[in-house]
Amino acid sequence: MSEPTEDEIKAFIEDVEFLIHTLKDSFESDDVEFFIDEQNEILYVKLEGLNDYSEEEIEEIAEPILSELDLDFEEIILLPL
């Protein structure tokens, strides 16, 4: 597999930043942190105030956002900050 180009890397970073911003707005969070586990292809997103939502509410809010974006992660995990 060839190395990604600079443009591909830039586009990927922009997609991740868009996702993080969208999740932050959707959950009305004042603060957000994220970490990419490249080895396991997992994106961890910590959102302030996430623990104010039930698991069903989190799924209802996040699922359309996550399904809309086509990011190359095996998993995206949302955690309270």
PDB file of N, CA and C in Angstrom:
ATOM      1  N   MET A   1       0.845  -1.171   0.000  1.00  0.00           N
ATOM      2  CA  MET A   1       0.000   0.000   0.000  1.00  0.00           C
ATOM      3  C   MET A   1       0.895   1.241   0.000  1.00  0.00           C
ATOM      4  N   SER A   2       0.594   2.206  -0.829  1.00  0.00           N
ATOM      5  CA  SER A   2       1.429   3.394  -0.948  1.00  0.00           C
ATOM      6  C   SER A   2       1.153   4.378   0.187  1.00  0.00           C
ATOM      7  N   GLU A   3       2.147   5.206   0.440  1.00  0.00           N
ATOM      8  CA  GLU A   3       2.008   6.233   1.466  1.00  0.00           C
ATOM      9  C   GLU A   3       0.981   7.269   1.005  1.00  0.00           C
ATOM     10  N   PRO A   4       0.176   7.788   1.935  1.00  0.00           N
ATOM     11  CA  PRO A   4      -0.801   8.819   1.547  1.00  0.00           C
ATOM     12  C   PRO A   4      -0.088  10.107   1.145  1.00  0.00           C
ATOM     13  N   THR A   5      -0.676  10.816   0.216  1.00  0.00           N
ATOM     14  CA  THR A   5      -0.106  12.090  -0.218  1.00  0.00           C
ATOM     15  C   THR A   5      -0.404  13.162   0.818  1.00  0.00           C
ATOM     16  N   GLU A   6       0.263  14.290   0.672  1.00  0.00           N
ATOM     17  CA  GLU A   6       0.039  15.401   1.592  1.00  0.00           C
ATOM     18  C   GLU A   6      -1.412  15.887   1.514  1.00  0.00           C
ATOM     19  N   ASP A   7      -1.974  15.909   0.302  1.00  0.00           N
ATOM     20  CA  ASP A   7      -3.368  16.325   0.134  1.00  0.00           C
ATOM     21  C   ASP A   7      -4.334  15.353   0.806  1.00  0.00           C
ATOM     22  N   GLU A   8      -4.049  14.055   0.721  1.00  0.00           N
ATOM     23  CA  GLU A   8      -4.896  13.043   1.370  1.00  0.00           C
ATOM     24  C   GLU A   8      -4.835  13.180   2.884  1.00  0.00           C
ATOM     25  N   ILE A   9      -3.656  13.433   3.408  1.00  0.00           N
ATOM     26  CA  ILE A   9      -3.495  13.619   4.855  1.00  0.00           C
ATOM     27  C   ILE A   9      -4.248  14.869   5.305  1.00  0.00           C
ATOM     28  N   LYS A  10      -4.117  15.949   4.540  1.00  0.00           N
ATOM     29  CA  LYS A  10      -4.814  17.199   4.877  1.00  0.00           C
ATOM     30  C   LYS A  10      -6.323  16.993   4.853  1.00  0.00           C
ATOM     31  N   ALA A  11      -6.831  16.297   3.850  1.00  0.00           N
ATOM     32  CA  ALA A  11      -8.270  16.034   3.747  1.00  0.00           C
ATOM     33  C   ALA A  11      -8.748  15.178   4.914  1.00  0.00           C
ATOM     34  N   PHE A  12      -7.959  14.177   5.309  1.00  0.00           N
ATOM     35  CA  PHE A  12      -8.314  13.323   6.436  1.00  0.00           C
ATOM     36  C   PHE A  12      -8.403  14.142   7.723  1.00  0.00           C
ATOM     37  N   ILE A  13      -7.418  14.994   7.957  1.00  0.00           N
ATOM     38  CA  ILE A  13      -7.400  15.832   9.160  1.00  0.00           C
ATOM     39  C   ILE A  13      -8.609  16.765   9.178  1.00  0.00           C
ATOM     40  N   GLU A  14      -8.929  17.342   8.021  1.00  0.00           N
ATOM     41  CA  GLU A  14     -10.101  18.215   7.937  1.00  0.00           C
ATOM     42  C   GLU A  14     -11.386  17.449   8.232  1.00  0.00           C
ATOM     43  N   ASP A  15     -11.493  16.207   7.744  1.00  0.00           N
ATOM     44  CA  ASP A  15     -12.677  15.383   8.017  1.00  0.00           C
ATOM     45  C   ASP A  15     -12.807  15.077   9.510  1.00  0.00           C
ATOM     46  N   VAL A  16     -11.687  14.742  10.161  1.00  0.00           N
ATOM     47  CA  VAL A  16     -11.713  14.441  11.594  1.00  0.00           C
ATOM     48  C   VAL A  16     -12.093  15.694  12.376  1.00  0.00           C
ATOM     49  N   GLU A  17     -11.513  16.839  12.016  1.00  0.00           N
ATOM     50  CA  GLU A  17     -11.837  18.086  12.709  1.00  0.00           C
ATOM     51  C   GLU A  17     -13.310  18.457  12.522  1.00  0.00           C
ATOM     52  N   PHE A  18     -13.846  18.226  11.318  1.00  0.00           N
ATOM     53  CA  PHE A  18     -15.267  18.486  11.071  1.00  0.00           C
ATOM     54  C   PHE A  18     -16.138  17.586  11.949  1.00  0.00           C
ATOM     55  N   LEU A  19     -15.785  16.317  12.038  1.00  0.00           N
ATOM     56  CA  LEU A  19     -16.527  15.373  12.882  1.00  0.00           C
ATOM     57  C   LEU A  19     -16.495  15.821  14.335  1.00  0.00           C
ATOM     58  N   ILE A  20     -15.316  16.166  14.830  1.00  0.00           N
ATOM     59  CA  ILE A  20     -15.172  16.582  16.227  1.00  0.00           C
ATOM     60  C   ILE A  20     -16.016  17.828  16.495  1.00  0.00           C
ATOM     61  N   HIS A  21     -15.958  18.802  15.605  1.00  0.00           N
ATOM     62  CA  HIS A  21     -16.729  20.039  15.759  1.00  0.00           C
ATOM     63  C   HIS A  21     -18.235  19.756  15.726  1.00  0.00           C
ATOM     64  N   THR A  22     -18.661  18.892  14.814  1.00  0.00           N
ATOM     65  CA  THR A  22     -20.078  18.547  14.693  1.00  0.00           C
ATOM     66  C   THR A  22     -20.574  17.834  15.954  1.00  0.00           C
ATOM     67  N   LEU A  23     -19.795  16.892  16.460  1.00  0.00           N
ATOM     68  CA  LEU A  23     -20.176  16.196  17.695  1.00  0.00           C
ATOM     69  C   LEU A  23     -20.228  17.173  18.867  1.00  0.00           C
ATOM     70  N   LYS A  24     -19.241  18.055  18.941  1.00  0.00           N
ATOM     71  CA  LYS A  24     -19.208  19.049  20.023  1.00  0.00           C
ATOM     72  C   LYS A  24     -20.479  19.904  19.992  1.00  0.00           C
ATOM     73  N   ASP A  25     -20.853  20.382  18.813  1.00  0.00           N
ATOM     74  CA  ASP A  25     -22.066  21.191  18.688  1.00  0.00           C
ATOM     75  C   ASP A  25     -23.325  20.378  18.986  1.00  0.00           C
ATOM     76  N   SER A  26     -23.381  19.153  18.501  1.00  0.00           N
ATOM     77  CA  SER A  26     -24.570  18.319  18.667  1.00  0.00           C
ATOM     78  C   SER A  26     -24.842  17.979  20.122  1.00  0.00           C
ATOM     79  N   PHE A  27     -23.785  17.806  20.892  1.00  0.00           N
ATOM     80  CA  PHE A  27     -23.942  17.478  22.312  1.00  0.00           C
ATOM     81  C   PHE A  27     -23.811  18.717  23.202  1.00  0.00           C
ATOM     82  N   GLU A  28     -23.761  19.893  22.570  1.00  0.00           N
ATOM     83  CA  GLU A  28     -23.680  21.160  23.281  1.00  0.00           C
ATOM     84  C   GLU A  28     -22.546  21.159  24.299  1.00  0.00           C
ATOM     85  N   SER A  29     -21.402  20.624  23.889  1.00  0.00           N
ATOM     86  CA  SER A  29     -20.230  20.532  24.760  1.00  0.00           C
ATOM     87  C   SER A  29     -19.412  21.811  24.682  1.00  0.00           C
ATOM     88  N   ASP A  30     -18.892  22.219  25.840  1.00  0.00           N
ATOM     89  CA  ASP A  30     -17.998  23.376  25.863  1.00  0.00           C
ATOM     90  C   ASP A  30     -16.569  22.967  25.537  1.00  0.00           C
ATOM     91  N   ASP A  31     -16.244  21.706  25.773  1.00  0.00           N
ATOM     92  CA  ASP A  31     -14.876  21.243  25.553  1.00  0.00           C
ATOM     93  C   ASP A  31     -14.899  19.846  24.950  1.00  0.00           C
ATOM     94  N   VAL A  32     -13.896  19.560  24.144  1.00  0.00           N
ATOM     95  CA  VAL A  32     -13.784  18.255  23.503  1.00  0.00           C
ATOM     96  C   VAL A  32     -12.304  17.920  23.341  1.00  0.00           C
ATOM     97  N   GLU A  33     -11.981  16.664  23.496  1.00  0.00           N
ATOM     98  CA  GLU A  33     -10.635  16.164  23.244  1.00  0.00           C
ATOM     99  C   GLU A  33     -10.774  14.904  22.406  1.00  0.00           C
ATOM    100  N   PHE A  34      -9.751  14.619  21.596  1.00  0.00           N
ATOM    101  CA  PHE A  34      -9.795  13.375  20.836  1.00  0.00           C
ATOM    102  C   PHE A  34      -8.401  12.782  20.710  1.00  0.00           C
ATOM    103  N   PHE A  35      -8.368  11.496  20.478  1.00  0.00           N
ATOM    104  CA  PHE A  35      -7.124  10.757  20.316  1.00  0.00           C
ATOM    105  C   PHE A  35      -7.330   9.711  19.240  1.00  0.00           C
ATOM    106  N   ILE A  36      -6.367   9.605  18.349  1.00  0.00           N
ATOM    107  CA  ILE A  36      -6.425   8.595  17.292  1.00  0.00           C
ATOM    108  C   ILE A  36      -5.438   7.487  17.625  1.00  0.00           C
ATOM    109  N   ASP A  37      -5.956   6.276  17.787  1.00  0.00           N
ATOM    110  CA  ASP A  37      -5.134   5.082  17.978  1.00  0.00           C
ATOM    111  C   ASP A  37      -4.907   4.496  16.586  1.00  0.00           C
ATOM    112  N   GLU A  38      -3.790   4.889  15.976  1.00  0.00           N
ATOM    113  CA  GLU A  38      -3.522   4.497  14.588  1.00  0.00           C
ATOM    114  C   GLU A  38      -3.353   2.988  14.436  1.00  0.00           C
ATOM    115  N   GLN A  39      -2.734   2.352  15.419  1.00  0.00           N
ATOM    116  CA  GLN A  39      -2.476   0.918  15.333  1.00  0.00           C
ATOM    117  C   GLN A  39      -3.768   0.116  15.262  1.00  0.00           C
ATOM    118  N   ASN A  40      -4.766   0.507  16.053  1.00  0.00           N
ATOM    119  CA  ASN A  40      -6.036  -0.212  16.085  1.00  0.00           C
ATOM    120  C   ASN A  40      -7.130   0.479  15.273  1.00  0.00           C
ATOM    121  N   GLU A  41      -6.799   1.605  14.644  1.00  0.00           N
ATOM    122  CA  GLU A  41      -7.732   2.372  13.824  1.00  0.00           C
ATOM    123  C   GLU A  41      -8.999   2.756  14.593  1.00  0.00           C
ATOM    124  N   ILE A  42      -8.771   3.329  15.799  1.00  0.00           N
ATOM    125  CA  ILE A  42      -9.878   3.753  16.661  1.00  0.00           C
ATOM    126  C   ILE A  42      -9.737   5.247  16.938  1.00  0.00           C
ATOM    127  N   LEU A  43     -10.859   5.964  16.841  1.00  0.00           N
ATOM    128  CA  LEU A  43     -10.909   7.369  17.208  1.00  0.00           C
ATOM    129  C   LEU A  43     -11.665   7.470  18.530  1.00  0.00           C
ATOM    130  N   TYR A  44     -11.003   8.031  19.539  1.00  0.00           N
ATOM    131  CA  TYR A  44     -11.626   8.274  20.831  1.00  0.00           C
ATOM    132  C   TYR A  44     -11.987   9.756  20.902  1.00  0.00           C
ATOM    133  N   VAL A  45     -13.236  10.052  21.226  1.00  0.00           N
ATOM    134  CA  VAL A  45     -13.694  11.433  21.342  1.00  0.00           C
ATOM    135  C   VAL A  45     -14.256  11.616  22.750  1.00  0.00           C
ATOM    136  N   LYS A  46     -13.647  12.546  23.506  1.00  0.00           N
ATOM    137  CA  LYS A  46     -14.131  12.871  24.846  1.00  0.00           C
ATOM    138  C   LYS A  46     -14.894  14.189  24.767  1.00  0.00           C
ATOM    139  N   LEU A  47     -16.166  14.143  25.185  1.00  0.00           N
ATOM    140  CA  LEU A  47     -17.039  15.309  25.115  1.00  0.00           C
ATOM    141  C   LEU A  47     -17.494  15.715  26.513  1.00  0.00           C
ATOM    142  N   GLU A  48     -17.312  17.003  26.816  1.00  0.00           N
ATOM    143  CA  GLU A  48     -17.802  17.522  28.090  1.00  0.00           C
ATOM    144  C   GLU A  48     -19.326  17.458  28.096  1.00  0.00           C
ATOM    145  N   GLY A  49     -19.895  16.957  29.188  1.00  0.00           N
ATOM    146  CA  GLY A  49     -21.345  16.892  29.329  1.00  0.00           C
ATOM    147  C   GLY A  49     -21.983  15.654  28.724  1.00  0.00           C
ATOM    148  N   LEU A  50     -21.187  14.769  28.152  1.00  0.00           N
ATOM    149  CA  LEU A  50     -21.754  13.575  27.527  1.00  0.00           C
ATOM    150  C   LEU A  50     -22.492  12.710  28.547  1.00  0.00           C
ATOM    151  N   ASN A  51     -22.016  12.712  29.788  1.00  0.00           N
ATOM    152  CA  ASN A  51     -22.668  11.893  30.809  1.00  0.00           C
ATOM    153  C   ASN A  51     -24.048  12.435  31.209  1.00  0.00           C
ATOM    154  N   ASP A  52     -24.436  13.594  30.656  1.00  0.00           N
ATOM    155  CA  ASP A  52     -25.784  14.124  30.883  1.00  0.00           C
ATOM    156  C   ASP A  52     -26.819  13.461  29.969  1.00  0.00           C
ATOM    157  N   TYR A  53     -26.350  12.664  29.016  1.00  0.00           N
ATOM    158  CA  TYR A  53     -27.237  12.004  28.050  1.00  0.00           C
ATOM    159  C   TYR A  53     -27.316  10.510  28.347  1.00  0.00           C
ATOM    160  N   SER A  54     -28.476   9.932  28.099  1.00  0.00           N
ATOM    161  CA  SER A  54     -28.611   8.481  28.231  1.00  0.00           C
ATOM    162  C   SER A  54     -27.926   7.822  27.035  1.00  0.00           C
ATOM    163  N   GLU A  55     -27.667   6.548  27.147  1.00  0.00           N
ATOM    164  CA  GLU A  55     -27.035   5.819  26.053  1.00  0.00           C
ATOM    165  C   GLU A  55     -27.891   5.881  24.784  1.00  0.00           C
ATOM    166  N   GLU A  56     -29.200   5.814  24.955  1.00  0.00           N
ATOM    167  CA  GLU A  56     -30.107   5.885  23.809  1.00  0.00           C
ATOM    168  C   GLU A  56     -30.039   7.255  23.139  1.00  0.00           C
ATOM    169  N   GLU A  57     -29.983   8.316  23.954  1.00  0.00           N
ATOM    170  CA  GLU A  57     -29.885   9.674  23.401  1.00  0.00           C
ATOM    171  C   GLU A  57     -28.575   9.869  22.652  1.00  0.00           C
ATOM    172  N   ILE A  58     -27.488   9.344  23.219  1.00  0.00           N
ATOM    173  CA  ILE A  58     -26.177   9.449  22.572  1.00  0.00           C
ATOM    174  C   ILE A  58     -26.218   8.772  21.213  1.00  0.00           C
ATOM    175  N   GLU A  59     -26.764   7.576  21.178  1.00  0.00           N
ATOM    176  CA  GLU A  59     -26.845   6.833  19.919  1.00  0.00           C
ATOM    177  C   GLU A  59     -27.723   7.576  18.909  1.00  0.00           C
ATOM    178  N   GLU A  60     -28.845   8.106  19.374  1.00  0.00           N
ATOM    179  CA  GLU A  60     -29.782   8.818  18.503  1.00  0.00           C
ATOM    180  C   GLU A  60     -29.138  10.074  17.891  1.00  0.00           C
ATOM    181  N   ILE A  61     -28.317  10.760  18.678  1.00  0.00           N
ATOM    182  CA  ILE A  61     -27.672  11.987  18.197  1.00  0.00           C
ATOM    183  C   ILE A  61     -26.460  11.657  17.322  1.00  0.00           C
ATOM    184  N   ALA A  62     -25.627  10.729  17.772  1.00  0.00           N
ATOM    185  CA  ALA A  62     -24.350  10.471  17.101  1.00  0.00           C
ATOM    186  C   ALA A  62     -24.463   9.605  15.851  1.00  0.00           C
ATOM    187  N   GLU A  63     -25.375   8.658  15.824  1.00  0.00           N
ATOM    188  CA  GLU A  63     -25.441   7.700  14.724  1.00  0.00           C
ATOM    189  C   GLU A  63     -25.589   8.353  13.349  1.00  0.00           C
ATOM    190  N   PRO A  64     -26.497   9.318  13.176  1.00  0.00           N
ATOM    191  CA  PRO A  64     -26.597   9.952  11.851  1.00  0.00           C
ATOM    192  C   PRO A  64     -25.320  10.704  11.449  1.00  0.00           C
ATOM    193  N   ILE A  65     -24.652  11.299  12.420  1.00  0.00           N
ATOM    194  CA  ILE A  65     -23.415  12.036  12.148  1.00  0.00           C
ATOM    195  C   ILE A  65     -22.319  11.069  11.715  1.00  0.00           C
ATOM    196  N   LEU A  66     -22.170   9.981  12.464  1.00  0.00           N
ATOM    197  CA  LEU A  66     -21.107   9.022  12.173  1.00  0.00           C
ATOM    198  C   LEU A  66     -21.355   8.278  10.868  1.00  0.00           C
ATOM    199  N   SER A  67     -22.614   8.014  10.556  1.00  0.00           N
ATOM    200  CA  SER A  67     -22.902   7.283   9.322  1.00  0.00           C
ATOM    201  C   SER A  67     -22.762   8.181   8.094  1.00  0.00           C
ATOM    202  N   GLU A  68     -22.910   9.482   8.280  1.00  0.00           N
ATOM    203  CA  GLU A  68     -22.793  10.426   7.165  1.00  0.00           C
ATOM    204  C   GLU A  68     -21.346  10.559   6.690  1.00  0.00           C
ATOM    205  N   LEU A  69     -20.425  10.544   7.643  1.00  0.00           N
ATOM    206  CA  LEU A  69     -19.014  10.702   7.300  1.00  0.00           C
ATOM    207  C   LEU A  69     -18.383   9.343   7.066  1.00  0.00           C
ATOM    208  N   ASP A  70     -17.570   9.250   6.051  1.00  0.00           N
ATOM    209  CA  ASP A  70     -16.920   7.994   5.710  1.00  0.00           C
ATOM    210  C   ASP A  70     -15.452   8.060   6.105  1.00  0.00           C
ATOM    211  N   LEU A  71     -15.194   7.915   7.403  1.00  0.00           N
ATOM    212  CA  LEU A  71     -13.825   7.939   7.896  1.00  0.00           C
ATOM    213  C   LEU A  71     -13.308   6.514   8.038  1.00  0.00           C
ATOM    214  N   ASP A  72     -12.020   6.345   7.836  1.00  0.00           N
ATOM    215  CA  ASP A  72     -11.412   5.010   7.855  1.00  0.00           C
ATOM    216  C   ASP A  72     -11.025   4.571   9.267  1.00  0.00           C
ATOM    217  N   PHE A  73     -12.007   4.497  10.155  1.00  0.00           N
ATOM    218  CA  PHE A  73     -11.766   3.996  11.505  1.00  0.00           C
ATOM    219  C   PHE A  73     -12.556   2.709  11.687  1.00  0.00           C
ATOM    220  N   GLU A  74     -11.952   1.770  12.387  1.00  0.00           N
ATOM    221  CA  GLU A  74     -12.674   0.555  12.737  1.00  0.00           C
ATOM    222  C   GLU A  74     -13.784   0.880  13.726  1.00  0.00           C
ATOM    223  N   GLU A  75     -13.476   1.837  14.629  1.00  0.00           N
ATOM    224  CA  GLU A  75     -14.418   2.203  15.669  1.00  0.00           C
ATOM    225  C   GLU A  75     -14.244   3.676  16.028  1.00  0.00           C
ATOM    226  N   ILE A  76     -15.338   4.317  16.396  1.00  0.00           N
ATOM    227  CA  ILE A  76     -15.300   5.663  16.965  1.00  0.00           C
ATOM    228  C   ILE A  76     -15.987   5.563  18.311  1.00  0.00           C
ATOM    229  N   ILE A  77     -15.246   5.868  19.356  1.00  0.00           N
ATOM    230  CA  ILE A  77     -15.746   5.698  20.719  1.00  0.00           C
ATOM    231  C   ILE A  77     -15.936   7.065  21.360  1.00  0.00           C
ATOM    232  N   LEU A  78     -17.144   7.310  21.853  1.00  0.00           N
ATOM    233  CA  LEU A  78     -17.469   8.545  22.539  1.00  0.00           C
ATOM    234  C   LEU A  78     -17.375   8.329  24.049  1.00  0.00           C
ATOM    235  N   LEU A  79     -16.669   9.237  24.722  1.00  0.00           N
ATOM    236  CA  LEU A  79     -16.469   9.132  26.165  1.00  0.00           C
ATOM    237  C   LEU A  79     -16.751  10.486  26.813  1.00  0.00           C
ATOM    238  N   PRO A  80     -17.200  10.474  28.085  1.00  0.00           N
ATOM    239  CA  PRO A  80     -17.389  11.750  28.785  1.00  0.00           C
ATOM    240  C   PRO A  80     -16.035  12.360  29.146  1.00  0.00           C
ATOM    241  N   LEU A  81     -15.986  13.680  29.156  1.00  0.00           N
ATOM    242  CA  LEU A  81     -14.751  14.396  29.513  1.00  0.00           C
ATOM    243  C   LEU A  81     -14.853  14.866  30.934  1.00  0.00           C
TER     244      LEU A  81
END
